[in-house]
Amino acid sequence: EGWYSFDVGTWHVVALNSNCAAVGGCGPGSPQETWLRADLAASS
C-alpha cells in the first residue's frame, strides 16, 4: 500500500502512494482514495 497519516504539532500529515497502477488505482472508489477521504474526514 504505502499510504498512512500522522500528526505534527497542530497539523495533520498524509502520505500517499502516487504509483497508482501498482496499488489498484487512485480514482474515486479505489482503496487509497477511499482511505484518504475517510482519513481526512476523521481528522480534527
PDB file of all heavy atoms in Angstrom:
ATOM      1  N   GLU A   1       0.844  -1.192   0.000  1.00  0.00           N
ATOM      2  CA  GLU A   1       0.000   0.000   0.000  1.00  0.00           C
ATOM      3  C   GLU A   1       0.889   1.254   0.000  1.00  0.00           C
ATOM      4  O   GLU A   1       1.013   1.925  -1.001  1.00  0.00           O
ATOM      5  CB  GLU A   1      -0.939  -0.002   1.211  1.00  0.00           C
ATOM      6  CG  GLU A   1      -2.001  -1.085   1.164  1.00  0.00           C
ATOM      7  CD  GLU A   1      -2.949  -1.023   2.349  1.00  0.00           C
ATOM      8  OE1 GLU A   1      -2.739  -0.183   3.253  1.00  0.00           O
ATOM      9  OE2 GLU A   1      -3.902  -1.808   2.376  1.00  0.00           O
ATOM     10  N   GLY A   2       1.465   1.580   1.156  1.00  0.00           N
ATOM     11  CA  GLY A   2       2.380   2.717   1.223  1.00  0.00           C
ATOM     12  C   GLY A   2       1.717   4.036   1.544  1.00  0.00           C
ATOM     13  O   GLY A   2       2.318   5.085   1.374  1.00  0.00           O
ATOM     14  N   TRP A   3       0.464   4.013   2.023  1.00  0.00           N
ATOM     15  CA  TRP A   3      -0.163   5.253   2.465  1.00  0.00           C
ATOM     16  C   TRP A   3      -0.439   5.180   3.956  1.00  0.00           C
ATOM     17  O   TRP A   3      -0.693   4.106   4.518  1.00  0.00           O
ATOM     18  CB  TRP A   3      -1.445   5.549   1.682  1.00  0.00           C
ATOM     19  CG  TRP A   3      -2.479   4.455   1.667  1.00  0.00           C
ATOM     20  CD1 TRP A   3      -3.406   4.178   2.634  1.00  0.00           C
ATOM     21  CD2 TRP A   3      -2.725   3.516   0.620  1.00  0.00           C
ATOM     22  NE1 TRP A   3      -4.211   3.132   2.261  1.00  0.00           N
ATOM     23  CE2 TRP A   3      -3.819   2.701   1.017  1.00  0.00           C
ATOM     24  CE3 TRP A   3      -2.139   3.277  -0.628  1.00  0.00           C
ATOM     25  CZ2 TRP A   3      -4.322   1.671   0.227  1.00  0.00           C
ATOM     26  CZ3 TRP A   3      -2.642   2.245  -1.411  1.00  0.00           C
ATOM     27  CH2 TRP A   3      -3.720   1.470  -0.986  1.00  0.00           C
ATOM     28  N   TYR A   4      -0.375   6.329   4.629  1.00  0.00           N
ATOM     29  CA  TYR A   4      -0.550   6.389   6.070  1.00  0.00           C
ATOM     30  C   TYR A   4      -0.679   7.861   6.452  1.00  0.00           C
ATOM     31  O   TYR A   4      -0.514   8.758   5.607  1.00  0.00           O
ATOM     32  CB  TYR A   4       0.639   5.745   6.792  1.00  0.00           C
ATOM     33  CG  TYR A   4       1.985   6.356   6.466  1.00  0.00           C
ATOM     34  CD1 TYR A   4       2.537   7.347   7.268  1.00  0.00           C
ATOM     35  CD2 TYR A   4       2.706   5.936   5.346  1.00  0.00           C
ATOM     36  CE1 TYR A   4       3.776   7.912   6.973  1.00  0.00           C
ATOM     37  CE2 TYR A   4       3.944   6.492   5.032  1.00  0.00           C
ATOM     38  CZ  TYR A   4       4.471   7.481   5.847  1.00  0.00           C
ATOM     39  OH  TYR A   4       5.694   8.049   5.544  1.00  0.00           O
ATOM     40  N   SER A   5      -0.947   8.140   7.709  1.00  0.00           N
ATOM     41  CA  SER A   5      -1.052   9.531   8.166  1.00  0.00           C
ATOM     42  C   SER A   5      -0.552   9.642   9.597  1.00  0.00           C
ATOM     43  O   SER A   5      -0.445   8.646  10.330  1.00  0.00           O
ATOM     44  CB  SER A   5      -2.496  10.038   8.063  1.00  0.00           C
ATOM     45  OG  SER A   5      -3.341   9.362   8.981  1.00  0.00           O
ATOM     46  N   PHE A   6      -0.266  10.864  10.008  1.00  0.00           N
ATOM     47  CA  PHE A   6       0.217  11.152  11.359  1.00  0.00           C
ATOM     48  C   PHE A   6       0.025  12.639  11.602  1.00  0.00           C
ATOM     49  O   PHE A   6      -0.360  13.394  10.694  1.00  0.00           O
ATOM     50  CB  PHE A   6       1.691  10.744  11.519  1.00  0.00           C
ATOM     51  CG  PHE A   6       2.615  11.389  10.512  1.00  0.00           C
ATOM     52  CD1 PHE A   6       3.377  12.491  10.840  1.00  0.00           C
ATOM     53  CD2 PHE A   6       2.735  10.858   9.223  1.00  0.00           C
ATOM     54  CE1 PHE A   6       4.232  13.081   9.926  1.00  0.00           C
ATOM     55  CE2 PHE A   6       3.591  11.440   8.290  1.00  0.00           C
ATOM     56  CZ  PHE A   6       4.335  12.558   8.647  1.00  0.00           C
ATOM     57  N   ASP A   7       0.296  13.083  12.811  1.00  0.00           N
ATOM     58  CA  ASP A   7       0.166  14.493  13.165  1.00  0.00           C
ATOM     59  C   ASP A   7       1.532  15.060  13.554  1.00  0.00           C
ATOM     60  O   ASP A   7       2.360  14.362  14.162  1.00  0.00           O
ATOM     61  CB  ASP A   7      -0.811  14.685  14.324  1.00  0.00           C
ATOM     62  CG  ASP A   7      -2.252  14.362  13.936  1.00  0.00           C
ATOM     63  OD1 ASP A   7      -2.601  14.566  12.758  1.00  0.00           O
ATOM     64  OD2 ASP A   7      -3.011  13.909  14.806  1.00  0.00           O
ATOM     65  N   VAL A   8       1.752  16.303  13.195  1.00  0.00           N
ATOM     66  CA  VAL A   8       2.948  17.051  13.613  1.00  0.00           C
ATOM     67  C   VAL A   8       2.463  18.367  14.196  1.00  0.00           C
ATOM     68  O   VAL A   8       1.877  19.190  13.482  1.00  0.00           O
ATOM     69  CB  VAL A   8       3.907  17.312  12.437  1.00  0.00           C
ATOM     70  CG1 VAL A   8       5.074  18.170  12.891  1.00  0.00           C
ATOM     71  CG2 VAL A   8       4.413  16.006  11.844  1.00  0.00           C
ATOM     72  N   GLY A   9       2.668  18.574  15.475  1.00  0.00           N
ATOM     73  CA  GLY A   9       2.134  19.764  16.116  1.00  0.00           C
ATOM     74  C   GLY A   9       0.624  19.799  15.970  1.00  0.00           C
ATOM     75  O   GLY A   9      -0.069  18.814  16.263  1.00  0.00           O
ATOM     76  N   THR A  10       0.106  20.906  15.477  1.00  0.00           N
ATOM     77  CA  THR A  10      -1.339  21.047  15.294  1.00  0.00           C
ATOM     78  C   THR A  10      -1.782  20.623  13.903  1.00  0.00           C
ATOM     79  O   THR A  10      -2.966  20.720  13.577  1.00  0.00           O
ATOM     80  CB  THR A  10      -1.755  22.513  15.519  1.00  0.00           C
ATOM     81  OG1 THR A  10      -1.092  23.352  14.565  1.00  0.00           O
ATOM     82  CG2 THR A  10      -1.404  22.969  16.932  1.00  0.00           C
ATOM     83  N   TRP A  11      -0.854  20.151  13.079  1.00  0.00           N
ATOM     84  CA  TRP A  11      -1.153  19.806  11.690  1.00  0.00           C
ATOM     85  C   TRP A  11      -1.350  18.302  11.513  1.00  0.00           C
ATOM     86  O   TRP A  11      -0.736  17.488  12.215  1.00  0.00           O
ATOM     87  CB  TRP A  11      -0.021  20.257  10.783  1.00  0.00           C
ATOM     88  CG  TRP A  11      -0.014  21.716  10.458  1.00  0.00           C
ATOM     89  CD1 TRP A  11       0.085  22.767  11.331  1.00  0.00           C
ATOM     90  CD2 TRP A  11      -0.101  22.294   9.145  1.00  0.00           C
ATOM     91  NE1 TRP A  11       0.062  23.958  10.653  1.00  0.00           N
ATOM     92  CE2 TRP A  11      -0.050  23.702   9.305  1.00  0.00           C
ATOM     93  CE3 TRP A  11      -0.209  21.766   7.869  1.00  0.00           C
ATOM     94  CZ2 TRP A  11      -0.102  24.576   8.227  1.00  0.00           C
ATOM     95  CZ3 TRP A  11      -0.261  22.627   6.789  1.00  0.00           C
ATOM     96  CH2 TRP A  11      -0.216  24.025   6.968  1.00  0.00           C
ATOM     97  N   HIS A  12      -2.172  17.947  10.533  1.00  0.00           N
ATOM     98  CA  HIS A  12      -2.321  16.567  10.090  1.00  0.00           C
ATOM     99  C   HIS A  12      -1.476  16.379   8.830  1.00  0.00           C
ATOM    100  O   HIS A  12      -1.400  17.286   7.993  1.00  0.00           O
ATOM    101  CB  HIS A  12      -3.790  16.269   9.788  1.00  0.00           C
ATOM    102  CG  HIS A  12      -4.084  14.819   9.542  1.00  0.00           C
ATOM    103  ND1 HIS A  12      -3.752  13.835  10.451  1.00  0.00           N
ATOM    104  CD2 HIS A  12      -4.690  14.188   8.496  1.00  0.00           C
ATOM    105  CE1 HIS A  12      -4.145  12.669   9.981  1.00  0.00           C
ATOM    106  NE2 HIS A  12      -4.711  12.847   8.790  1.00  0.00           N
ATOM    107  N   VAL A  13      -0.831  15.230   8.700  1.00  0.00           N
ATOM    108  CA  VAL A  13       0.051  14.948   7.568  1.00  0.00           C
ATOM    109  C   VAL A  13      -0.374  13.627   6.939  1.00  0.00           C
ATOM    110  O   VAL A  13      -0.555  12.622   7.641  1.00  0.00           O
ATOM    111  CB  VAL A  13       1.528  14.871   8.001  1.00  0.00           C
ATOM    112  CG1 VAL A  13       2.425  14.705   6.781  1.00  0.00           C
ATOM    113  CG2 VAL A  13       1.925  16.112   8.796  1.00  0.00           C
ATOM    114  N   VAL A  14      -0.530  13.617   5.615  1.00  0.00           N
ATOM    115  CA  VAL A  14      -0.998  12.439   4.891  1.00  0.00           C
ATOM    116  C   VAL A  14       0.055  12.030   3.870  1.00  0.00           C
ATOM    117  O   VAL A  14       0.471  12.843   3.028  1.00  0.00           O
ATOM    118  CB  VAL A  14      -2.337  12.713   4.181  1.00  0.00           C
ATOM    119  CG1 VAL A  14      -2.798  11.476   3.427  1.00  0.00           C
ATOM    120  CG2 VAL A  14      -3.402  13.138   5.177  1.00  0.00           C
ATOM    121  N   ALA A  15       0.512  10.788   3.936  1.00  0.00           N
ATOM    122  CA  ALA A  15       1.464  10.229   2.984  1.00  0.00           C
ATOM    123  C   ALA A  15       0.711   9.340   2.003  1.00  0.00           C
ATOM    124  O   ALA A  15      -0.064   8.462   2.419  1.00  0.00           O
ATOM    125  CB  ALA A  15       2.523   9.407   3.726  1.00  0.00           C
ATOM    126  N   LEU A  16       0.948   9.543   0.698  1.00  0.00           N
ATOM    127  CA  LEU A  16       0.212   8.819  -0.330  1.00  0.00           C
ATOM    128  C   LEU A  16       1.166   8.111  -1.287  1.00  0.00           C
ATOM    129  O   LEU A  16       2.326   8.495  -1.433  1.00  0.00           O
ATOM    130  CB  LEU A  16      -0.684   9.788  -1.110  1.00  0.00           C
ATOM    131  CG  LEU A  16      -1.730  10.541  -0.286  1.00  0.00           C
ATOM    132  CD1 LEU A  16      -2.426  11.599  -1.140  1.00  0.00           C
ATOM    133  CD2 LEU A  16      -2.748   9.569   0.304  1.00  0.00           C
ATOM    134  N   ASN A  17       0.643   7.095  -1.958  1.00  0.00           N
ATOM    135  CA  ASN A  17       1.401   6.358  -2.968  1.00  0.00           C
ATOM    136  C   ASN A  17       0.857   6.748  -4.340  1.00  0.00           C
ATOM    137  O   ASN A  17      -0.252   6.361  -4.711  1.00  0.00           O
ATOM    138  CB  ASN A  17       1.258   4.849  -2.740  1.00  0.00           C
ATOM    139  CG  ASN A  17       2.145   4.041  -3.669  1.00  0.00           C
ATOM    140  OD1 ASN A  17       2.639   4.545  -4.676  1.00  0.00           O
ATOM    141  ND2 ASN A  17       2.343   2.776  -3.341  1.00  0.00           N
ATOM    142  N   SER A  18       1.644   7.537  -5.073  1.00  0.00           N
ATOM    143  CA  SER A  18       1.194   8.018  -6.378  1.00  0.00           C
ATOM    144  C   SER A  18       1.537   7.068  -7.521  1.00  0.00           C
ATOM    145  O   SER A  18       1.287   7.386  -8.687  1.00  0.00           O
ATOM    146  CB  SER A  18       1.792   9.399  -6.659  1.00  0.00           C
ATOM    147  OG  SER A  18       3.207   9.350  -6.659  1.00  0.00           O
ATOM    148  N   ASN A  19       2.090   5.904  -7.214  1.00  0.00           N
ATOM    149  CA  ASN A  19       2.303   4.859  -8.217  1.00  0.00           C
ATOM    150  C   ASN A  19       0.995   4.090  -8.360  1.00  0.00           C
ATOM    151  O   ASN A  19       0.860   2.940  -7.933  1.00  0.00           O
ATOM    152  CB  ASN A  19       3.449   3.946  -7.785  1.00  0.00           C
ATOM    153  CG  ASN A  19       4.761   4.700  -7.676  1.00  0.00           C
ATOM    154  OD1 ASN A  19       5.482   4.854  -8.648  1.00  0.00           O
ATOM    155  ND2 ASN A  19       5.063   5.174  -6.470  1.00  0.00           N
ATOM    156  N   CYS A  20       0.027   4.738  -8.970  1.00  0.00           N
ATOM    157  CA  CYS A  20      -1.363   4.302  -8.871  1.00  0.00           C
ATOM    158  C   CYS A  20      -1.591   2.919  -9.471  1.00  0.00           C
ATOM    159  O   CYS A  20      -2.385   2.120  -8.949  1.00  0.00           O
ATOM    160  CB  CYS A  20      -2.266   5.336  -9.523  1.00  0.00           C
ATOM    161  SG  CYS A  20      -2.181   6.960  -8.720  1.00  0.00           S
ATOM    162  N   ALA A  21      -0.920   2.609 -10.577  1.00  0.00           N
ATOM    163  CA  ALA A  21      -1.134   1.314 -11.223  1.00  0.00           C
ATOM    164  C   ALA A  21      -0.714   0.153 -10.328  1.00  0.00           C
ATOM    165  O   ALA A  21      -1.217  -0.969 -10.471  1.00  0.00           O
ATOM    166  CB  ALA A  21      -0.369   1.258 -12.543  1.00  0.00           C
ATOM    167  N   ALA A  22       0.202   0.412  -9.397  1.00  0.00           N
ATOM    168  CA  ALA A  22       0.710  -0.659  -8.527  1.00  0.00           C
ATOM    169  C   ALA A  22      -0.182  -0.927  -7.331  1.00  0.00           C
ATOM    170  O   ALA A  22      -0.001  -1.922  -6.626  1.00  0.00           O
ATOM    171  CB  ALA A  22       2.118  -0.307  -8.050  1.00  0.00           C
ATOM    172  N   VAL A  23      -1.164  -0.018  -7.075  1.00  0.00           N
ATOM    173  CA  VAL A  23      -1.961  -0.137  -5.841  1.00  0.00           C
ATOM    174  C   VAL A  23      -3.463  -0.079  -6.111  1.00  0.00           C
ATOM    175  O   VAL A  23      -4.233   0.372  -5.273  1.00  0.00           O
ATOM    176  CB  VAL A  23      -1.558   0.948  -4.823  1.00  0.00           C
ATOM    177  CG1 VAL A  23      -0.151   0.693  -4.308  1.00  0.00           C
ATOM    178  CG2 VAL A  23      -1.666   2.349  -5.407  1.00  0.00           C
ATOM    179  N   GLY A  24      -3.878  -0.516  -7.290  1.00  0.00           N
ATOM    180  CA  GLY A  24      -5.310  -0.578  -7.563  1.00  0.00           C
ATOM    181  C   GLY A  24      -5.920   0.732  -7.998  1.00  0.00           C
ATOM    182  O   GLY A  24      -7.134   0.928  -7.895  1.00  0.00           O
ATOM    183  N   GLY A  25      -5.092   1.657  -8.505  1.00  0.00           N
ATOM    184  CA  GLY A  25      -5.590   2.923  -8.996  1.00  0.00           C
ATOM    185  C   GLY A  25      -5.705   3.968  -7.909  1.00  0.00           C
ATOM    186  O   GLY A  25      -5.592   3.685  -6.718  1.00  0.00           O
ATOM    187  N   CYS A  26      -5.951   5.211  -8.354  1.00  0.00           N
ATOM    188  CA  CYS A  26      -6.103   6.340  -7.424  1.00  0.00           C
ATOM    189  C   CYS A  26      -7.417   7.076  -7.643  1.00  0.00           C
ATOM    190  O   CYS A  26      -7.634   8.149  -7.075  1.00  0.00           O
ATOM    191  CB  CYS A  26      -4.952   7.329  -7.597  1.00  0.00           C
ATOM    192  SG  CYS A  26      -3.323   6.692  -7.134  1.00  0.00           S
ATOM    193  N   GLY A  27      -8.283   6.528  -8.479  1.00  0.00           N
ATOM    194  CA  GLY A  27      -9.530   7.195  -8.794  1.00  0.00           C
ATOM    195  C   GLY A  27     -10.585   7.015  -7.731  1.00  0.00           C
ATOM    196  O   GLY A  27     -10.377   6.325  -6.721  1.00  0.00           O
ATOM    197  N   PRO A  28     -11.739   7.635  -7.940  1.00  0.00           N
ATOM    198  CA  PRO A  28     -12.845   7.501  -6.975  1.00  0.00           C
ATOM    199  C   PRO A  28     -13.197   6.039  -6.719  1.00  0.00           C
ATOM    200  O   PRO A  28     -13.333   5.255  -7.652  1.00  0.00           O
ATOM    201  CB  PRO A  28     -14.000   8.243  -7.663  1.00  0.00           C
ATOM    202  CG  PRO A  28     -13.325   9.208  -8.582  1.00  0.00           C
ATOM    203  CD  PRO A  28     -12.089   8.516  -9.067  1.00  0.00           C
ATOM    204  N   GLY A  29     -13.297   5.697  -5.449  1.00  0.00           N
ATOM    205  CA  GLY A  29     -13.642   4.338  -5.069  1.00  0.00           C
ATOM    206  C   GLY A  29     -12.481   3.380  -4.984  1.00  0.00           C
ATOM    207  O   GLY A  29     -12.645   2.240  -4.534  1.00  0.00           O
ATOM    208  N   SER A  30     -11.282   3.807  -5.398  1.00  0.00           N
ATOM    209  CA  SER A  30     -10.106   2.950  -5.251  1.00  0.00           C
ATOM    210  C   SER A  30      -9.769   2.808  -3.774  1.00  0.00           C
ATOM    211  O   SER A  30     -10.173   3.629  -2.947  1.00  0.00           O
ATOM    212  CB  SER A  30      -8.917   3.550  -6.007  1.00  0.00           C
ATOM    213  OG  SER A  30      -8.527   4.786  -5.424  1.00  0.00           O
ATOM    214  N   PRO A  31      -9.031   1.760  -3.415  1.00  0.00           N
ATOM    215  CA  PRO A  31      -8.714   1.571  -1.987  1.00  0.00           C
ATOM    216  C   PRO A  31      -8.035   2.786  -1.360  1.00  0.00           C
ATOM    217  O   PRO A  31      -8.386   3.195  -0.248  1.00  0.00           O
ATOM    218  CB  PRO A  31      -7.789   0.350  -1.991  1.00  0.00           C
ATOM    219  CG  PRO A  31      -8.199  -0.419  -3.207  1.00  0.00           C
ATOM    220  CD  PRO A  31      -8.559   0.621  -4.232  1.00  0.00           C
ATOM    221  N   GLN A  32      -7.077   3.385  -2.067  1.00  0.00           N
ATOM    222  CA  GLN A  32      -6.357   4.522  -1.474  1.00  0.00           C
ATOM    223  C   GLN A  32      -7.242   5.762  -1.391  1.00  0.00           C
ATOM    224  O   GLN A  32      -7.238   6.464  -0.374  1.00  0.00           O
ATOM    225  CB  GLN A  32      -5.100   4.844  -2.279  1.00  0.00           C
ATOM    226  CG  GLN A  32      -4.288   5.984  -1.684  1.00  0.00           C
ATOM    227  CD  GLN A  32      -2.936   6.184  -2.334  1.00  0.00           C
ATOM    228  OE1 GLN A  32      -2.026   6.747  -1.734  1.00  0.00           O
ATOM    229  NE2 GLN A  32      -2.775   5.747  -3.563  1.00  0.00           N
ATOM    230  N   GLU A  33      -8.012   6.056  -2.446  1.00  0.00           N
ATOM    231  CA  GLU A  33      -8.865   7.235  -2.425  1.00  0.00           C
ATOM    232  C   GLU A  33      -9.936   7.113  -1.357  1.00  0.00           C
ATOM    233  O   GLU A  33     -10.260   8.086  -0.663  1.00  0.00           O
ATOM    234  CB  GLU A  33      -9.493   7.443  -3.810  1.00  0.00           C
ATOM    235  CG  GLU A  33     -10.206   8.757  -4.011  1.00  0.00           C
ATOM    236  CD  GLU A  33     -11.710   8.683  -3.747  1.00  0.00           C
ATOM    237  OE1 GLU A  33     -12.221   7.568  -3.474  1.00  0.00           O
ATOM    238  OE2 GLU A  33     -12.376   9.724  -3.824  1.00  0.00           O
ATOM    239  N   THR A  34     -10.473   5.916  -1.193  1.00  0.00           N
ATOM    240  CA  THR A  34     -11.472   5.688  -0.148  1.00  0.00           C
ATOM    241  C   THR A  34     -10.869   5.899   1.226  1.00  0.00           C
ATOM    242  O   THR A  34     -11.465   6.549   2.102  1.00  0.00           O
ATOM    243  CB  THR A  34     -12.038   4.267  -0.266  1.00  0.00           C
ATOM    244  OG1 THR A  34     -12.644   4.111  -1.565  1.00  0.00           O
ATOM    245  CG2 THR A  34     -13.068   3.984   0.810  1.00  0.00           C
ATOM    246  N   TRP A  35      -9.661   5.347   1.430  1.00  0.00           N
ATOM    247  CA  TRP A  35      -8.963   5.544   2.716  1.00  0.00           C
ATOM    248  C   TRP A  35      -8.683   7.018   2.954  1.00  0.00           C
ATOM    249  O   TRP A  35      -8.866   7.530   4.069  1.00  0.00           O
ATOM    250  CB  TRP A  35      -7.650   4.767   2.717  1.00  0.00           C
ATOM    251  CG  TRP A  35      -6.797   5.079   3.905  1.00  0.00           C
ATOM    252  CD1 TRP A  35      -6.830   4.487   5.135  1.00  0.00           C
ATOM    253  CD2 TRP A  35      -5.804   6.130   4.001  1.00  0.00           C
ATOM    254  NE1 TRP A  35      -5.924   5.094   5.973  1.00  0.00           N
ATOM    255  CE2 TRP A  35      -5.286   6.092   5.307  1.00  0.00           C
ATOM    256  CE3 TRP A  35      -5.319   7.072   3.091  1.00  0.00           C
ATOM    257  CZ2 TRP A  35      -4.293   6.970   5.737  1.00  0.00           C
ATOM    258  CZ3 TRP A  35      -4.334   7.959   3.510  1.00  0.00           C
ATOM    259  CH2 TRP A  35      -3.825   7.903   4.820  1.00  0.00           C
ATOM    260  N   LEU A  36      -8.224   7.727   1.908  1.00  0.00           N
ATOM    261  CA  LEU A  36      -7.855   9.128   2.051  1.00  0.00           C
ATOM    262  C   LEU A  36      -9.043   9.970   2.493  1.00  0.00           C
ATOM    263  O   LEU A  36      -8.933  10.780   3.418  1.00  0.00           O
ATOM    264  CB  LEU A  36      -7.297   9.657   0.733  1.00  0.00           C
ATOM    265  CG  LEU A  36      -6.992  11.160   0.661  1.00  0.00           C
ATOM    266  CD1 LEU A  36      -5.972  11.554   1.717  1.00  0.00           C
ATOM    267  CD2 LEU A  36      -6.504  11.537  -0.738  1.00  0.00           C
ATOM    268  N   ARG A  37     -10.179   9.785   1.857  1.00  0.00           N
ATOM    269  CA  ARG A  37     -11.349  10.577   2.240  1.00  0.00           C
ATOM    270  C   ARG A  37     -11.767  10.285   3.679  1.00  0.00           C
ATOM    271  O   ARG A  37     -12.129  11.203   4.426  1.00  0.00           O
ATOM    272  CB  ARG A  37     -12.501  10.308   1.269  1.00  0.00           C
ATOM    273  CG  ARG A  37     -12.296  10.945  -0.104  1.00  0.00           C
ATOM    274  CD  ARG A  37     -13.542  10.861  -0.969  1.00  0.00           C
ATOM    275  NE  ARG A  37     -13.357  11.541  -2.246  1.00  0.00           N
ATOM    276  CZ  ARG A  37     -13.561  12.842  -2.450  1.00  0.00           C
ATOM    277  NH1 ARG A  37     -13.949  13.608  -1.435  1.00  0.00           N
ATOM    278  NH2 ARG A  37     -13.379  13.373  -3.647  1.00  0.00           N
ATOM    279  N   ALA A  38     -11.693   9.033   4.075  1.00  0.00           N
ATOM    280  CA  ALA A  38     -12.063   8.679   5.450  1.00  0.00           C
ATOM    281  C   ALA A  38     -11.067   9.264   6.444  1.00  0.00           C
ATOM    282  O   ALA A  38     -11.451   9.761   7.515  1.00  0.00           O
ATOM    283  CB  ALA A  38     -12.146   7.166   5.601  1.00  0.00           C
ATOM    284  N   ASP A  39      -9.791   9.217   6.105  1.00  0.00           N
ATOM    285  CA  ASP A  39      -8.761   9.755   6.999  1.00  0.00           C
ATOM    286  C   ASP A  39      -8.925  11.256   7.174  1.00  0.00           C
ATOM    287  O   ASP A  39      -8.851  11.774   8.300  1.00  0.00           O
ATOM    288  CB  ASP A  39      -7.381   9.433   6.434  1.00  0.00           C
ATOM    289  CG  ASP A  39      -6.265   9.977   7.308  1.00  0.00           C
ATOM    290  OD1 ASP A  39      -5.884   9.302   8.278  1.00  0.00           O
ATOM    291  OD2 ASP A  39      -5.776  11.092   7.033  1.00  0.00           O
ATOM    292  N   LEU A  40      -9.150  11.968   6.091  1.00  0.00           N
ATOM    293  CA  LEU A  40      -9.306  13.420   6.177  1.00  0.00           C
ATOM    294  C   LEU A  40     -10.573  13.795   6.944  1.00  0.00           C
ATOM    295  O   LEU A  40     -10.582  14.759   7.712  1.00  0.00           O
ATOM    296  CB  LEU A  40      -9.336  14.029   4.777  1.00  0.00           C
ATOM    297  CG  LEU A  40      -8.028  13.926   3.981  1.00  0.00           C
ATOM    298  CD1 LEU A  40      -8.234  14.408   2.550  1.00  0.00           C
ATOM    299  CD2 LEU A  40      -6.912  14.705   4.650  1.00  0.00           C
ATOM    300  N   ALA A  41     -11.622  13.016   6.750  1.00  0.00           N
ATOM    301  CA  ALA A  41     -12.874  13.295   7.464  1.00  0.00           C
ATOM    302  C   ALA A  41     -12.725  13.068   8.959  1.00  0.00           C
ATOM    303  O   ALA A  41     -13.365  13.752   9.775  1.00  0.00           O
ATOM    304  CB  ALA A  41     -13.999  12.434   6.903  1.00  0.00           C
ATOM    305  N   ALA A  42     -11.874  12.117   9.347  1.00  0.00           N
ATOM    306  CA  ALA A  42     -11.708  11.784  10.759  1.00  0.00           C
ATOM    307  C   ALA A  42     -10.774  12.736  11.489  1.00  0.00           C
ATOM    308  O   ALA A  42     -10.774  12.787  12.723  1.00  0.00           O
ATOM    309  CB  ALA A  42     -11.180  10.353  10.897  1.00  0.00           C
ATOM    310  N   SER A  43      -9.981  13.502  10.753  1.00  0.00           N
ATOM    311  CA  SER A  43      -9.009  14.401  11.388  1.00  0.00           C
ATOM    312  C   SER A  43      -9.701  15.651  11.901  1.00  0.00           C
ATOM    313  O   SER A  43     -10.535  16.254  11.219  1.00  0.00           O
ATOM    314  CB  SER A  43      -7.926  14.799  10.384  1.00  0.00           C
ATOM    315  OG  SER A  43      -7.090  15.805  10.924  1.00  0.00           O
ATOM    316  N   SER A  44      -9.321  16.071  13.104  1.00  0.00           N
ATOM    317  CA  SER A  44      -9.844  17.311  13.681  1.00  0.00           C
ATOM    318  C   SER A  44      -8.894  18.485  13.478  1.00  0.00           C
ATOM    319  O   SER A  44      -9.179  19.601  13.921  1.00  0.00           O
ATOM    320  CB  SER A  44     -10.107  17.119  15.179  1.00  0.00           C
ATOM    321  OG  SER A  44      -8.898  16.778  15.857  1.00  0.00           O
TER     322      SER A  44
END
